[in-house]
C-alpha cells in the first residue's frame, strides 16, 4: 500500500493488491539483483485511486502494447510475466 516497491523473489507468483490514494511505482530489478525463475508471473490490481506504474530497473525491458506501463482505471488488473533474462511482458488494462 506504499507509493514505491521494488519486487523481490518472494513476490513471484503473487497477487499484489495495490490500494493507495497516490500513484504506486513498482520497480522490476535486474536479473543480477534478483535471480528470477523462467516464466515468473506477478499479478497486480489497482484497488485504490492511485495508478500502478511498472518501472524497469537498470537493464530491464518491459514489453507492452504501445509502451503502456500503468493501470488505466481503478480495478484494472495487469499480469507481469518474465519472458527472458531481464525481459518481461506486461498485459492488461493499461495506459501510457
C-alpha atoms as a PDB file:
ATOM      1  CA  UNK A   1       0.000   0.000   0.000  1.00  0.00           C
ATOM      2  CA  UNK A   2       3.039   2.312  -0.088  1.00  0.00           C
ATOM      3  CA  UNK A   3       3.931   4.536  -3.030  1.00  0.00           C
ATOM      4  CA  UNK A   4       7.070   2.620  -4.063  1.00  0.00           C
ATOM      5  CA  UNK A   5       8.123  -1.009  -4.081  1.00  0.00           C
ATOM      6  CA  UNK A   6      10.978  -2.973  -5.599  1.00  0.00           C
ATOM      7  CA  UNK A   7       9.991  -6.510  -6.450  1.00  0.00           C
ATOM      8  CA  UNK A   8      11.699  -9.412  -4.694  1.00  0.00           C
ATOM      9  CA  UNK A   9      11.830 -13.134  -5.381  1.00  0.00           C
ATOM     10  CA  UNK A  10       9.173 -13.635  -2.688  1.00  0.00           C
ATOM     11  CA  UNK A  11       6.731 -11.696  -4.910  1.00  0.00           C
ATOM     12  CA  UNK A  12       6.892 -14.353  -7.642  1.00  0.00           C
ATOM     13  CA  UNK A  13       3.508 -15.998  -8.182  1.00  0.00           C
ATOM     14  CA  UNK A  14       1.659 -13.492  -6.004  1.00  0.00           C
ATOM     15  CA  UNK A  15      -1.281 -11.154  -6.416  1.00  0.00           C
ATOM     16  CA  UNK A  16      -0.355  -7.591  -5.486  1.00  0.00           C
ATOM     17  CA  UNK A  17      -3.385  -5.682  -4.209  1.00  0.00           C
ATOM     18  CA  UNK A  18      -2.339  -2.071  -4.825  1.00  0.00           C
ATOM     19  CA  UNK A  19      -4.566   0.168  -2.742  1.00  0.00           C
ATOM     20  CA  UNK A  20      -3.175   3.650  -2.405  1.00  0.00           C
ATOM     21  CA  UNK A  21      -4.586   7.118  -2.964  1.00  0.00           C
ATOM     22  CA  UNK A  22      -1.401   8.156  -4.770  1.00  0.00           C
ATOM     23  CA  UNK A  23       0.483   6.670  -7.701  1.00  0.00           C
ATOM     24  CA  UNK A  24       2.366   3.497  -6.797  1.00  0.00           C
ATOM     25  CA  UNK A  25       5.617   2.767  -8.640  1.00  0.00           C
ATOM     26  CA  UNK A  26       6.685  -0.878  -8.757  1.00  0.00           C
ATOM     27  CA  UNK A  27      10.283  -1.412  -9.888  1.00  0.00           C
ATOM     28  CA  UNK A  28      11.373  -4.640 -11.576  1.00  0.00           C
ATOM     29  CA  UNK A  29      15.007  -5.227 -10.592  1.00  0.00           C
ATOM     30  CA  UNK A  30      17.504  -6.813 -12.996  1.00  0.00           C
ATOM     31  CA  UNK A  31      18.422 -10.487 -13.022  1.00  0.00           C
ATOM     32  CA  UNK A  32      21.782  -9.567 -11.430  1.00  0.00           C
ATOM     33  CA  UNK A  33      19.935  -8.386  -8.310  1.00  0.00           C
ATOM     34  CA  UNK A  34      17.150 -10.996  -8.180  1.00  0.00           C
ATOM     35  CA  UNK A  35      17.546 -14.473  -9.652  1.00  0.00           C
ATOM     36  CA  UNK A  36      14.133 -14.664 -11.311  1.00  0.00           C
ATOM     37  CA  UNK A  37      12.969 -18.088 -12.474  1.00  0.00           C
ATOM     38  CA  UNK A  38      11.813 -18.686 -16.037  1.00  0.00           C
ATOM     39  CA  UNK A  39       8.218 -17.568 -16.635  1.00  0.00           C
ATOM     40  CA  UNK A  40       7.851 -15.887 -13.251  1.00  0.00           C
ATOM     41  CA  UNK A  41       4.489 -14.111 -13.074  1.00  0.00           C
ATOM     42  CA  UNK A  42       3.281 -11.431 -10.687  1.00  0.00           C
ATOM     43  CA  UNK A  43      -0.267 -10.057 -10.896  1.00  0.00           C
ATOM     44  CA  UNK A  44      -1.249  -6.515  -9.947  1.00  0.00           C
ATOM     45  CA  UNK A  45      -4.608  -4.808  -9.398  1.00  0.00           C
ATOM     46  CA  UNK A  46      -5.286  -1.121  -8.842  1.00  0.00           C
ATOM     47  CA  UNK A  47      -7.639  -1.208  -5.868  1.00  0.00           C
ATOM     48  CA  UNK A  48      -7.271   2.450  -4.856  1.00  0.00           C
ATOM     49  CA  UNK A  49      -7.462   5.677  -6.827  1.00  0.00           C
ATOM     50  CA  UNK A  50      -3.675   5.807  -7.335  1.00  0.00           C
ATOM     51  CA  UNK A  51      -2.461   4.320 -10.612  1.00  0.00           C
ATOM     52  CA  UNK A  52       0.036   1.474 -10.527  1.00  0.00           C
ATOM     53  CA  UNK A  53       3.164   2.094 -12.611  1.00  0.00           C
ATOM     54  CA  UNK A  54       5.622  -0.665 -13.515  1.00  0.00           C
ATOM     55  CA  UNK A  55       9.167   0.708 -13.824  1.00  0.00           C
ATOM     56  CA  UNK A  56      12.075  -1.221 -15.314  1.00  0.00           C
ATOM     57  CA  UNK A  57      15.248  -1.400 -13.250  1.00  0.00           C
ATOM     58  CA  UNK A  58      18.673  -0.918 -14.845  1.00  0.00           C
ATOM     59  CA  UNK A  59      18.951  -3.111 -17.942  1.00  0.00           C
ATOM     60  CA  UNK A  60      15.375  -4.415 -17.673  1.00  0.00           C
ATOM     61  CA  UNK A  61      12.999  -4.307 -20.651  1.00  0.00           C
ATOM     62  CA  UNK A  62       9.242  -4.362 -20.140  1.00  0.00           C
ATOM     63  CA  UNK A  63       7.288  -5.031 -23.316  1.00  0.00           C
ATOM     64  CA  UNK A  64       3.661  -3.922 -23.541  1.00  0.00           C
ATOM     65  CA  UNK A  65       1.221  -2.717 -26.171  1.00  0.00           C
ATOM     66  CA  UNK A  66       2.050   0.866 -27.136  1.00  0.00           C
ATOM     67  CA  UNK A  67       4.621   1.039 -24.327  1.00  0.00           C
ATOM     68  CA  UNK A  68       1.882   1.381 -21.700  1.00  0.00           C
ATOM     69  CA  UNK A  69       3.232   0.717 -18.203  1.00  0.00           C
ATOM     70  CA  UNK A  70       0.432   1.796 -15.847  1.00  0.00           C
ATOM     71  CA  UNK A  71      -3.100   0.837 -14.963  1.00  0.00           C
ATOM     72  CA  UNK A  72      -5.833   2.680 -16.825  1.00  0.00           C
ATOM     73  CA  UNK A  73      -8.522   2.844 -14.112  1.00  0.00           C
ATOM     74  CA  UNK A  74      -9.434   1.635 -10.649  1.00  0.00           C
ATOM     75  CA  UNK A  75      -9.943  -2.147 -10.528  1.00  0.00           C
ATOM     76  CA  UNK A  76      -7.693  -2.608 -13.575  1.00  0.00           C
ATOM     77  CA  UNK A  77      -5.522  -5.684 -13.496  1.00  0.00           C
ATOM     78  CA  UNK A  78      -2.167  -6.345 -15.098  1.00  0.00           C
ATOM     79  CA  UNK A  79      -0.133  -9.540 -15.093  1.00  0.00           C
ATOM     80  CA  UNK A  80       3.641  -9.195 -15.452  1.00  0.00           C
ATOM     81  CA  UNK A  81       5.475 -12.234 -16.842  1.00  0.00           C
ATOM     82  CA  UNK A  82       9.197 -12.836 -17.264  1.00  0.00           C
ATOM     83  CA  UNK A  83       9.879 -13.987 -20.833  1.00  0.00           C
ATOM     84  CA  UNK A  84      13.706 -13.980 -20.808  1.00  0.00           C
ATOM     85  CA  UNK A  85      16.554 -12.716 -18.669  1.00  0.00           C
ATOM     86  CA  UNK A  86      15.809  -9.031 -17.934  1.00  0.00           C
ATOM     87  CA  UNK A  87      12.789  -9.124 -20.270  1.00  0.00           C
ATOM     88  CA  UNK A  88       9.171  -9.020 -19.092  1.00  0.00           C
ATOM     89  CA  UNK A  89       5.743  -8.811 -20.719  1.00  0.00           C
ATOM     90  CA  UNK A  90       3.056  -6.582 -19.185  1.00  0.00           C
ATOM     91  CA  UNK A  91      -0.551  -7.020 -20.324  1.00  0.00           C
ATOM     92  CA  UNK A  92      -3.942  -5.922 -19.044  1.00  0.00           C
ATOM     93  CA  UNK A  93      -5.989  -2.754 -18.789  1.00  0.00           C
ATOM     94  CA  UNK A  94      -3.097  -0.339 -19.374  1.00  0.00           C
ATOM     95  CA  UNK A  95      -2.452   3.248 -20.393  1.00  0.00           C
ATOM     96  CA  UNK A  96       0.678   5.152 -21.387  1.00  0.00           C
END
